[in-house]
PDB file of N, CA and C in Angstrom:
ATOM      1  N   MET A   1       2.202 -65.198 -10.298  1.00  0.00           N
ATOM      2  CA  MET A   1       0.790 -64.940 -10.479  1.00  0.00           C
ATOM      3  C   MET A   1      -0.027 -66.010  -9.755  1.00  0.00           C
ATOM      4  N   TYR A   2       0.320 -67.245  -9.978  1.00  0.00           N
ATOM      5  CA  TYR A   2      -0.368 -68.364  -9.329  1.00  0.00           C
ATOM      6  C   TYR A   2      -0.277 -68.238  -7.804  1.00  0.00           C
ATOM      7  N   SER A   3       0.891 -67.851  -7.308  1.00  0.00           N
ATOM      8  CA  SER A   3       1.110 -67.746  -5.859  1.00  0.00           C
ATOM      9  C   SER A   3       0.146 -66.767  -5.204  1.00  0.00           C
ATOM     10  N   TYR A   4      -0.189 -65.694  -5.892  1.00  0.00           N
ATOM     11  CA  TYR A   4      -1.134 -64.735  -5.339  1.00  0.00           C
ATOM     12  C   TYR A   4      -2.567 -65.245  -5.430  1.00  0.00           C
ATOM     13  N   LEU A   5      -2.894 -65.894  -6.505  1.00  0.00           N
ATOM     14  CA  LEU A   5      -4.264 -66.379  -6.687  1.00  0.00           C
ATOM     15  C   LEU A   5      -4.648 -67.435  -5.657  1.00  0.00           C
ATOM     16  N   VAL A   6      -3.728 -68.313  -5.303  1.00  0.00           N
ATOM     17  CA  VAL A   6      -4.065 -69.391  -4.362  1.00  0.00           C
ATOM     18  C   VAL A   6      -4.310 -68.883  -2.947  1.00  0.00           C
ATOM     19  N   LEU A   7      -3.982 -67.643  -2.682  1.00  0.00           N
ATOM     20  CA  LEU A   7      -4.205 -67.086  -1.349  1.00  0.00           C
ATOM     21  C   LEU A   7      -5.674 -66.780  -1.067  1.00  0.00           C
ATOM     22  N   SER A   8      -6.492 -66.727  -2.095  1.00  0.00           N
ATOM     23  CA  SER A   8      -7.899 -66.398  -1.904  1.00  0.00           C
ATOM     24  C   SER A   8      -8.649 -67.565  -1.274  1.00  0.00           C
ATOM     25  N   PRO A   9      -9.400 -67.299  -0.203  1.00  0.00           N
ATOM     26  CA  PRO A   9     -10.200 -68.366   0.403  1.00  0.00           C
ATOM     27  C   PRO A   9     -11.470 -68.677  -0.393  1.00  0.00           C
ATOM     28  N   TYR A  10     -11.758 -67.877  -1.414  1.00  0.00           N
ATOM     29  CA  TYR A  10     -12.996 -68.030  -2.181  1.00  0.00           C
ATOM     30  C   TYR A  10     -12.820 -68.847  -3.455  1.00  0.00           C
ATOM     31  N   LEU A  11     -11.568 -69.167  -3.788  1.00  0.00           N
ATOM     32  CA  LEU A  11     -11.273 -69.801  -5.068  1.00  0.00           C
ATOM     33  C   LEU A  11     -10.452 -71.069  -4.903  1.00  0.00           C
ATOM     34  N   THR A  12     -10.605 -71.968  -5.853  1.00  0.00           N
ATOM     35  CA  THR A  12      -9.709 -73.106  -6.005  1.00  0.00           C
ATOM     36  C   THR A  12      -8.944 -72.845  -7.298  1.00  0.00           C
ATOM     37  N   VAL A  13      -7.629 -72.838  -7.212  1.00  0.00           N
ATOM     38  CA  VAL A  13      -6.798 -72.496  -8.365  1.00  0.00           C
ATOM     39  C   VAL A  13      -5.992 -73.727  -8.768  1.00  0.00           C
ATOM     40  N   LYS A  14      -6.048 -74.060 -10.047  1.00  0.00           N
ATOM     41  CA  LYS A  14      -5.334 -75.233 -10.579  1.00  0.00           C
ATOM     42  C   LYS A  14      -4.402 -74.786 -11.705  1.00  0.00           C
ATOM     43  N   MET A  15      -3.191 -75.320 -11.706  1.00  0.00           N
ATOM     44  CA  MET A  15      -2.255 -75.079 -12.799  1.00  0.00           C
ATOM     45  C   MET A  15      -2.247 -76.291 -13.719  1.00  0.00           C
ATOM     46  N   GLU A  16      -2.089 -76.020 -15.014  1.00  0.00           N
ATOM     47  CA  GLU A  16      -2.069 -77.088 -16.013  1.00  0.00           C
ATOM     48  C   GLU A  16      -3.270 -78.020 -15.833  1.00  0.00           C
ATOM     49  N   TYR A  17      -4.434 -77.407 -15.729  1.00  0.00           N
ATOM     50  CA  TYR A  17      -5.674 -78.150 -15.509  1.00  0.00           C
ATOM     51  C   TYR A  17      -6.052 -78.907 -16.786  1.00  0.00           C
ATOM     52  N   PRO A  18      -6.171 -80.236 -16.704  1.00  0.00           N
ATOM     53  CA  PRO A  18      -6.447 -81.012 -17.914  1.00  0.00           C
ATOM     54  C   PRO A  18      -7.924 -80.958 -18.323  1.00  0.00           C
ATOM     55  N   VAL A  19      -8.143 -80.675 -19.590  1.00  0.00           N
ATOM     56  CA  VAL A  19      -9.458 -80.782 -20.210  1.00  0.00           C
ATOM     57  C   VAL A  19      -9.258 -81.589 -21.486  1.00  0.00           C
ATOM     58  N   GLU A  20     -10.344 -82.043 -22.083  1.00  0.00           N
ATOM     59  CA  GLU A  20     -10.190 -82.943 -23.232  1.00  0.00           C
ATOM     60  C   GLU A  20      -9.513 -82.278 -24.427  1.00  0.00           C
ATOM     61  N   LYS A  21      -9.427 -80.969 -24.449  1.00  0.00           N
ATOM     62  CA  LYS A  21      -8.809 -80.250 -25.571  1.00  0.00           C
ATOM     63  C   LYS A  21      -7.405 -79.745 -25.252  1.00  0.00           C
ATOM     64  N   GLY A  22      -6.816 -80.148 -24.114  1.00  0.00           N
ATOM     65  CA  GLY A  22      -5.473 -79.701 -23.758  1.00  0.00           C
ATOM     66  C   GLY A  22      -5.343 -79.435 -22.273  1.00  0.00           C
ATOM     67  N   TYR A  23      -4.461 -78.500 -21.934  1.00  0.00           N
ATOM     68  CA  TYR A  23      -4.193 -78.154 -20.540  1.00  0.00           C
ATOM     69  C   TYR A  23      -4.311 -76.643 -20.367  1.00  0.00           C
ATOM     70  N   ILE A  24      -5.196 -76.235 -19.487  1.00  0.00           N
ATOM     71  CA  ILE A  24      -5.372 -74.813 -19.194  1.00  0.00           C
ATOM     72  C   ILE A  24      -4.246 -74.384 -18.260  1.00  0.00           C
ATOM     73  N   ASP A  25      -3.568 -73.289 -18.585  1.00  0.00           N
ATOM     74  CA  ASP A  25      -2.447 -72.840 -17.757  1.00  0.00           C
ATOM     75  C   ASP A  25      -2.888 -72.586 -16.315  1.00  0.00           C
ATOM     76  N   ILE A  26      -3.917 -71.754 -16.151  1.00  0.00           N
ATOM     77  CA  ILE A  26      -4.457 -71.490 -14.809  1.00  0.00           C
ATOM     78  C   ILE A  26      -5.976 -71.539 -14.893  1.00  0.00           C
ATOM     79  N   ALA A  27      -6.577 -72.407 -14.106  1.00  0.00           N
ATOM     80  CA  ALA A  27      -8.037 -72.516 -14.016  1.00  0.00           C
ATOM     81  C   ALA A  27      -8.449 -72.088 -12.611  1.00  0.00           C
ATOM     82  N   ILE A  28      -9.433 -71.219 -12.544  1.00  0.00           N
ATOM     83  CA  ILE A  28      -9.892 -70.683 -11.260  1.00  0.00           C
ATOM     84  C   ILE A  28     -11.361 -71.063 -11.092  1.00  0.00           C
ATOM     85  N   PHE A  29     -11.637 -71.833 -10.057  1.00  0.00           N
ATOM     86  CA  PHE A  29     -12.989 -72.286  -9.782  1.00  0.00           C
ATOM     87  C   PHE A  29     -13.459 -71.719  -8.450  1.00  0.00           C
ATOM     88  N   ARG A  30     -14.720 -71.413  -8.369  1.00  0.00           N
ATOM     89  CA  ARG A  30     -15.260 -70.843  -7.136  1.00  0.00           C
ATOM     90  C   ARG A  30     -15.482 -71.939  -6.096  1.00  0.00           C
ATOM     91  N   ARG A  31     -15.274 -71.564  -4.850  1.00  0.00           N
ATOM     92  CA  ARG A  31     -15.549 -72.481  -3.741  1.00  0.00           C
ATOM     93  C   ARG A  31     -16.962 -72.282  -3.198  1.00  0.00           C
ATOM     94  N   TYR A  32     -17.510 -71.101  -3.443  1.00  0.00           N
ATOM     95  CA  TYR A  32     -18.830 -70.757  -2.909  1.00  0.00           C
ATOM     96  C   TYR A  32     -19.707 -70.213  -4.028  1.00  0.00           C
ATOM     97  N   ASN A  33     -20.989 -70.409  -3.921  1.00  0.00           N
ATOM     98  CA  ASN A  33     -21.927 -69.934  -4.943  1.00  0.00           C
ATOM     99  C   ASN A  33     -21.999 -68.418  -5.024  1.00  0.00           C
ATOM    100  N   ASP A  34     -21.567 -67.720  -3.976  1.00  0.00           N
ATOM    101  CA  ASP A  34     -21.588 -66.257  -3.978  1.00  0.00           C
ATOM    102  C   ASP A  34     -20.568 -65.658  -4.947  1.00  0.00           C
ATOM    103  N   VAL A  35     -19.565 -66.429  -5.319  1.00  0.00           N
ATOM    104  CA  VAL A  35     -18.573 -65.954  -6.295  1.00  0.00           C
ATOM    105  C   VAL A  35     -19.252 -65.981  -7.664  1.00  0.00           C
ATOM    106  N   PRO A  36     -19.284 -64.845  -8.377  1.00  0.00           N
ATOM    107  CA  PRO A  36     -20.128 -64.743  -9.575  1.00  0.00           C
ATOM    108  C   PRO A  36     -19.671 -65.513 -10.814  1.00  0.00           C
ATOM    109  N   TYR A  37     -18.409 -65.850 -10.919  1.00  0.00           N
ATOM    110  CA  TYR A  37     -17.940 -66.538 -12.118  1.00  0.00           C
ATOM    111  C   TYR A  37     -16.636 -67.275 -11.845  1.00  0.00           C
ATOM    112  N   GLU A  38     -16.233 -68.077 -12.822  1.00  0.00           N
ATOM    113  CA  GLU A  38     -14.960 -68.790 -12.777  1.00  0.00           C
ATOM    114  C   GLU A  38     -14.126 -68.300 -13.959  1.00  0.00           C
ATOM    115  N   SER A  39     -12.844 -68.629 -13.981  1.00  0.00           N
ATOM    116  CA  SER A  39     -11.962 -68.076 -15.011  1.00  0.00           C
ATOM    117  C   SER A  39     -10.949 -69.097 -15.488  1.00  0.00           C
ATOM    118  N   ILE A  40     -10.504 -68.874 -16.724  1.00  0.00           N
ATOM    119  CA  ILE A  40      -9.325 -69.576 -17.215  1.00  0.00           C
ATOM    120  C   ILE A  40      -8.356 -68.513 -17.738  1.00  0.00           C
ATOM    121  N   ILE A  41      -7.079 -68.773 -17.528  1.00  0.00           N
ATOM    122  CA  ILE A  41      -6.047 -67.823 -17.946  1.00  0.00           C
ATOM    123  C   ILE A  41      -5.008 -68.579 -18.765  1.00  0.00           C
ATOM    124  N   GLU A  42      -4.772 -68.088 -19.963  1.00  0.00           N
ATOM    125  CA  GLU A  42      -3.706 -68.631 -20.803  1.00  0.00           C
ATOM    126  C   GLU A  42      -2.515 -67.682 -20.663  1.00  0.00           C
ATOM    127  N   VAL A  43      -1.398 -68.216 -20.201  1.00  0.00           N
ATOM    128  CA  VAL A  43      -0.208 -67.413 -19.939  1.00  0.00           C
ATOM    129  C   VAL A  43       0.876 -67.787 -20.945  1.00  0.00           C
ATOM    130  N   LYS A  44       1.465 -66.767 -21.536  1.00  0.00           N
ATOM    131  CA  LYS A  44       2.583 -66.964 -22.457  1.00  0.00           C
ATOM    132  C   LYS A  44       3.763 -66.128 -21.967  1.00  0.00           C
ATOM    133  N   TYR A  45       4.962 -66.553 -22.370  1.00  0.00           N
ATOM    134  CA  TYR A  45       6.181 -65.873 -21.962  1.00  0.00           C
ATOM    135  C   TYR A  45       7.088 -65.707 -23.170  1.00  0.00           C
ATOM    136  N   ILE A  46       7.648 -64.512 -23.310  1.00  0.00           N
ATOM    137  CA  ILE A  46       8.640 -64.225 -24.338  1.00  0.00           C
ATOM    138  C   ILE A  46       9.879 -63.685 -23.625  1.00  0.00           C
ATOM    139  N   LYS A  47      11.026 -64.267 -23.920  1.00  0.00           N
ATOM    140  CA  LYS A  47      12.268 -63.747 -23.338  1.00  0.00           C
ATOM    141  C   LYS A  47      12.483 -62.323 -23.845  1.00  0.00           C
ATOM    142  N   GLN A  48      12.981 -61.476 -22.948  1.00  0.00           N
ATOM    143  CA  GLN A  48      13.133 -60.069 -23.292  1.00  0.00           C
ATOM    144  C   GLN A  48      14.018 -59.865 -24.528  1.00  0.00           C
ATOM    145  N   ASN A  49      15.089 -60.618 -24.626  1.00  0.00           N
ATOM    146  CA  ASN A  49      15.999 -60.442 -25.764  1.00  0.00           C
ATOM    147  C   ASN A  49      15.472 -61.085 -27.049  1.00  0.00           C
ATOM    148  N   GLU A  50      14.336 -61.787 -26.973  1.00  0.00           N
ATOM    149  CA  GLU A  50      13.722 -62.405 -28.152  1.00  0.00           C
ATOM    150  C   GLU A  50      12.426 -61.718 -28.566  1.00  0.00           C
ATOM    151  N   PHE A  51      12.082 -60.624 -27.894  1.00  0.00           N
ATOM    152  CA  PHE A  51      10.813 -59.949 -28.159  1.00  0.00           C
ATOM    153  C   PHE A  51      10.813 -59.254 -29.517  1.00  0.00           C
ATOM    154  N   SER A  52       9.670 -59.417 -30.206  1.00  0.00           N
ATOM    155  CA  SER A  52       9.365 -58.628 -31.402  1.00  0.00           C
ATOM    156  C   SER A  52       7.844 -58.508 -31.463  1.00  0.00           C
ATOM    157  N   GLU A  53       7.373 -57.496 -32.162  1.00  0.00           N
ATOM    158  CA  GLU A  53       5.922 -57.329 -32.316  1.00  0.00           C
ATOM    159  C   GLU A  53       5.316 -58.541 -33.022  1.00  0.00           C
ATOM    160  N   GLU A  54       6.051 -59.103 -33.975  1.00  0.00           N
ATOM    161  CA  GLU A  54       5.574 -60.278 -34.699  1.00  0.00           C
ATOM    162  C   GLU A  54       5.420 -61.481 -33.761  1.00  0.00           C
ATOM    163  N   LYS A  55       6.387 -61.689 -32.891  1.00  0.00           N
ATOM    164  CA  LYS A  55       6.322 -62.797 -31.938  1.00  0.00           C
ATOM    165  C   LYS A  55       5.157 -62.588 -30.969  1.00  0.00           C
ATOM    166  N   LEU A  56       4.947 -61.360 -30.533  1.00  0.00           N
ATOM    167  CA  LEU A  56       3.818 -61.043 -29.655  1.00  0.00           C
ATOM    168  C   LEU A  56       2.501 -61.374 -30.352  1.00  0.00           C
ATOM    169  N   LYS A  57       2.351 -60.987 -31.607  1.00  0.00           N
ATOM    170  CA  LYS A  57       1.123 -61.279 -32.362  1.00  0.00           C
ATOM    171  C   LYS A  57       0.899 -62.783 -32.494  1.00  0.00           C
ATOM    172  N   ARG A  58       1.978 -63.544 -32.709  1.00  0.00           N
ATOM    173  CA  ARG A  58       1.853 -65.011 -32.809  1.00  0.00           C
ATOM    174  C   ARG A  58       1.381 -65.613 -31.490  1.00  0.00           C
ATOM    175  N   LYS A  59       1.938 -65.122 -30.378  1.00  0.00           N
ATOM    176  CA  LYS A  59       1.542 -65.629 -29.055  1.00  0.00           C
ATOM    177  C   LYS A  59       0.079 -65.299 -28.760  1.00  0.00           C
ATOM    178  N   ILE A  60      -0.361 -64.111 -29.147  1.00  0.00           N
ATOM    179  CA  ILE A  60      -1.758 -63.722 -28.943  1.00  0.00           C
ATOM    180  C   ILE A  60      -2.672 -64.643 -29.746  1.00  0.00           C
ATOM    181  N   LYS A  61      -2.351 -64.862 -31.015  1.00  0.00           N
ATOM    182  CA  LYS A  61      -3.154 -65.736 -31.875  1.00  0.00           C
ATOM    183  C   LYS A  61      -3.202 -67.158 -31.322  1.00  0.00           C
ATOM    184  N   GLU A  62      -2.051 -67.667 -30.918  1.00  0.00           N
ATOM    185  CA  GLU A  62      -1.968 -69.017 -30.347  1.00  0.00           C
ATOM    186  C   GLU A  62      -2.830 -69.128 -29.087  1.00  0.00           C
ATOM    187  N   SER A  63      -2.766 -68.118 -28.235  1.00  0.00           N
ATOM    188  CA  SER A  63      -3.548 -68.116 -26.992  1.00  0.00           C
ATOM    189  C   SER A  63      -5.042 -68.106 -27.274  1.00  0.00           C
ATOM    190  N   ARG A  64      -5.470 -67.284 -28.217  1.00  0.00           N
ATOM    191  CA  ARG A  64      -6.891 -67.215 -28.572  1.00  0.00           C
ATOM    192  C   ARG A  64      -7.389 -68.568 -29.084  1.00  0.00           C
ATOM    193  N   GLU A  65      -6.588 -69.202 -29.922  1.00  0.00           N
ATOM    194  CA  GLU A  65      -6.972 -70.517 -30.457  1.00  0.00           C
ATOM    195  C   GLU A  65      -7.076 -71.556 -29.347  1.00  0.00           C
ATOM    196  N   GLN A  66      -6.140 -71.530 -28.412  1.00  0.00           N
ATOM    197  CA  GLN A  66      -6.188 -72.484 -27.296  1.00  0.00           C
ATOM    198  C   GLN A  66      -7.438 -72.265 -26.457  1.00  0.00           C
ATOM    199  N   ILE A  67      -7.748 -71.025 -26.120  1.00  0.00           N
ATOM    200  CA  ILE A  67      -8.925 -70.744 -25.295  1.00  0.00           C
ATOM    201  C   ILE A  67     -10.197 -71.154 -26.017  1.00  0.00           C
ATOM    202  N   GLU A  68     -10.265 -70.936 -27.327  1.00  0.00           N
ATOM    203  CA  GLU A  68     -11.440 -71.368 -28.095  1.00  0.00           C
ATOM    204  C   GLU A  68     -11.625 -72.880 -27.985  1.00  0.00           C
ATOM    205  N   ARG A  69     -10.536 -73.637 -28.034  1.00  0.00           N
ATOM    206  CA  ARG A  69     -10.623 -75.094 -27.875  1.00  0.00           C
ATOM    207  C   ARG A  69     -11.048 -75.460 -26.457  1.00  0.00           C
ATOM    208  N   TYR A  70     -10.438 -74.832 -25.471  1.00  0.00           N
ATOM    209  CA  TYR A  70     -10.733 -75.177 -24.077  1.00  0.00           C
ATOM    210  C   TYR A  70     -12.188 -74.929 -23.724  1.00  0.00           C
ATOM    211  N   LYS A  71     -12.745 -73.807 -24.181  1.00  0.00           N
ATOM    212  CA  LYS A  71     -14.113 -73.465 -23.769  1.00  0.00           C
ATOM    213  C   LYS A  71     -15.143 -74.436 -24.339  1.00  0.00           C
ATOM    214  N   LYS A  72     -14.776 -75.235 -25.325  1.00  0.00           N
ATOM    215  CA  LYS A  72     -15.674 -76.253 -25.873  1.00  0.00           C
ATOM    216  C   LYS A  72     -15.617 -77.560 -25.088  1.00  0.00           C
ATOM    217  N   SER A  73     -14.699 -77.656 -24.149  1.00  0.00           N
ATOM    218  CA  SER A  73     -14.558 -78.875 -23.355  1.00  0.00           C
ATOM    219  C   SER A  73     -15.786 -79.093 -22.487  1.00  0.00           C
ATOM    220  N   TYR A  74     -16.110 -80.335 -22.268  1.00  0.00           N
ATOM    221  CA  TYR A  74     -17.301 -80.709 -21.502  1.00  0.00           C
ATOM    222  C   TYR A  74     -17.339 -80.036 -20.134  1.00  0.00           C
ATOM    223  N   GLU A  75     -16.229 -80.067 -19.403  1.00  0.00           N
ATOM    224  CA  GLU A  75     -16.254 -79.548 -18.036  1.00  0.00           C
ATOM    225  C   GLU A  75     -16.392 -78.034 -17.957  1.00  0.00           C
ATOM    226  N   LEU A  76     -16.160 -77.315 -19.057  1.00  0.00           N
ATOM    227  CA  LEU A  76     -16.297 -75.855 -19.053  1.00  0.00           C
ATOM    228  C   LEU A  76     -17.532 -75.381 -19.809  1.00  0.00           C
ATOM    229  N   ASN A  77     -18.132 -76.239 -20.583  1.00  0.00           N
ATOM    230  CA  ASN A  77     -19.205 -75.865 -21.488  1.00  0.00           C
ATOM    231  C   ASN A  77     -20.422 -75.275 -20.772  1.00  0.00           C
ATOM    232  N   TYR A  78     -20.723 -75.712 -19.595  1.00  0.00           N
ATOM    233  CA  TYR A  78     -21.927 -75.272 -18.891  1.00  0.00           C
ATOM    234  C   TYR A  78     -21.655 -74.183 -17.859  1.00  0.00           C
ATOM    235  N   LYS A  79     -20.418 -73.782 -17.679  1.00  0.00           N
ATOM    236  CA  LYS A  79     -20.068 -72.828 -16.629  1.00  0.00           C
ATOM    237  C   LYS A  79     -20.002 -71.405 -17.160  1.00  0.00           C
ATOM    238  N   LYS A  80     -20.199 -70.456 -16.242  1.00  0.00           N
ATOM    239  CA  LYS A  80     -19.998 -69.049 -16.555  1.00  0.00           C
ATOM    240  C   LYS A  80     -18.507 -68.764 -16.356  1.00  0.00           C
ATOM    241  N   ILE A  81     -17.779 -68.701 -17.463  1.00  0.00           N
ATOM    242  CA  ILE A  81     -16.318 -68.624 -17.429  1.00  0.00           C
ATOM    243  C   ILE A  81     -15.838 -67.317 -18.052  1.00  0.00           C
ATOM    244  N   LYS A  82     -14.956 -66.639 -17.357  1.00  0.00           N
ATOM    245  CA  LYS A  82     -14.237 -65.508 -17.943  1.00  0.00           C
ATOM    246  C   LYS A  82     -12.926 -66.061 -18.473  1.00  0.00           C
ATOM    247  N   LYS A  83     -12.494 -65.530 -19.615  1.00  0.00           N
ATOM    248  CA  LYS A  83     -11.309 -66.059 -20.282  1.00  0.00           C
ATOM    249  C   LYS A  83     -10.303 -64.933 -20.486  1.00  0.00           C
ATOM    250  N   TYR A  84      -9.066 -65.174 -20.079  1.00  0.00           N
ATOM    251  CA  TYR A  84      -8.029 -64.141 -20.153  1.00  0.00           C
ATOM    252  C   TYR A  84      -6.778 -64.664 -20.830  1.00  0.00           C
ATOM    253  N   ILE A  85      -6.080 -63.743 -21.477  1.00  0.00           N
ATOM    254  CA  ILE A  85      -4.747 -63.991 -22.020  1.00  0.00           C
ATOM    255  C   ILE A  85      -3.808 -63.027 -21.315  1.00  0.00           C
ATOM    256  N   VAL A  86      -2.684 -63.553 -20.813  1.00  0.00           N
ATOM    257  CA  VAL A  86      -1.657 -62.718 -20.196  1.00  0.00           C
ATOM    258  C   VAL A  86      -0.321 -63.118 -20.826  1.00  0.00           C
ATOM    259  N   ILE A  87       0.368 -62.133 -21.387  1.00  0.00           N
ATOM    260  CA  ILE A  87       1.658 -62.410 -22.020  1.00  0.00           C
ATOM    261  C   ILE A  87       2.728 -61.570 -21.337  1.00  0.00           C
ATOM    262  N   PHE A  88       3.756 -62.259 -20.859  1.00  0.00           N
ATOM    263  CA  PHE A  88       4.895 -61.621 -20.215  1.00  0.00           C
ATOM    264  C   PHE A  88       6.037 -61.481 -21.202  1.00  0.00           C
ATOM    265  N   VAL A  89       6.736 -60.372 -21.105  1.00  0.00           N
ATOM    266  CA  VAL A  89       8.026 -60.206 -21.774  1.00  0.00           C
ATOM    267  C   VAL A  89       9.009 -59.931 -20.649  1.00  0.00           C
ATOM    268  N   GLY A  90       9.875 -60.902 -20.412  1.00  0.00           N
ATOM    269  CA  GLY A  90      10.718 -60.823 -19.225  1.00  0.00           C
ATOM    270  C   GLY A  90       9.823 -60.869 -18.000  1.00  0.00           C
ATOM    271  N   LYS A  91      10.001 -59.942 -17.090  1.00  0.00           N
ATOM    272  CA  LYS A  91       9.188 -59.889 -15.866  1.00  0.00           C
ATOM    273  C   LYS A  91       7.960 -58.994 -16.009  1.00  0.00           C
ATOM    274  N   GLU A  92       7.836 -58.337 -17.149  1.00  0.00           N
ATOM    275  CA  GLU A  92       6.777 -57.360 -17.363  1.00  0.00           C
ATOM    276  C   GLU A  92       5.601 -57.965 -18.121  1.00  0.00           C
ATOM    277  N   VAL A  93       4.384 -57.634 -17.673  1.00  0.00           N
ATOM    278  CA  VAL A  93       3.199 -58.025 -18.424  1.00  0.00           C
ATOM    279  C   VAL A  93       3.095 -57.071 -19.611  1.00  0.00           C
ATOM    280  N   LYS A  94       3.178 -57.630 -20.800  1.00  0.00           N
ATOM    281  CA  LYS A  94       3.159 -56.810 -22.028  1.00  0.00           C
ATOM    282  C   LYS A  94       1.766 -56.748 -22.629  1.00  0.00           C
ATOM    283  N   TYR A  95       0.938 -57.772 -22.377  1.00  0.00           N
ATOM    284  CA  TYR A  95      -0.377 -57.843 -23.020  1.00  0.00           C
ATOM    285  C   TYR A  95      -1.359 -58.565 -22.116  1.00  0.00           C
ATOM    286  N   ILE A  96      -2.552 -57.980 -21.965  1.00  0.00           N
ATOM    287  CA  ILE A  96      -3.661 -58.623 -21.239  1.00  0.00           C
ATOM    288  C   ILE A  96      -4.917 -58.439 -22.077  1.00  0.00           C
ATOM    289  N   GLU A  97      -5.685 -59.520 -22.184  1.00  0.00           N
ATOM    290  CA  GLU A  97      -6.953 -59.455 -22.920  1.00  0.00           C
ATOM    291  C   GLU A  97      -7.990 -60.304 -22.204  1.00  0.00           C
ATOM    292  N   GLU A  98      -9.199 -59.764 -22.086  1.00  0.00           N
ATOM    293  CA  GLU A  98     -10.327 -60.573 -21.641  1.00  0.00           C
ATOM    294  C   GLU A  98     -11.110 -60.933 -22.900  1.00  0.00           C
ATOM    295  N   MET A  99     -11.233 -62.232 -23.164  1.00  0.00           N
ATOM    296  CA  MET A  99     -11.950 -62.686 -24.357  1.00  0.00           C
ATOM    297  C   MET A  99     -13.436 -62.795 -24.078  1.00  0.00           C
ATOM    298  N   GLU A 100     -14.215 -62.693 -25.127  1.00  0.00           N
ATOM    299  CA  GLU A 100     -15.673 -62.869 -25.020  1.00  0.00           C
ATOM    300  C   GLU A 100     -15.993 -64.322 -24.800  1.00  0.00           C
TER     301      GLU A 100
END
């Protein structure tokens, strides 16, 4: 996922971007003012042989809590940020959510 995002000439993409509330898995910042917003993506992974609906629900809850903490960080507080959760099970994306 990161490999595709860094190909854009309009974005700066950072992995494990440090903020005072933790580390954002993928942070996407605009290089030009014409880009309408910036994004953070929380990525989780579940091994295929360990998947259960309960484990998926726990990962979703954990991701939401992390994003809530990150968006309160000083460096993100003033920006127009889109927030996403992406959860993989094996090689397949099992869950995607855009948070408010």
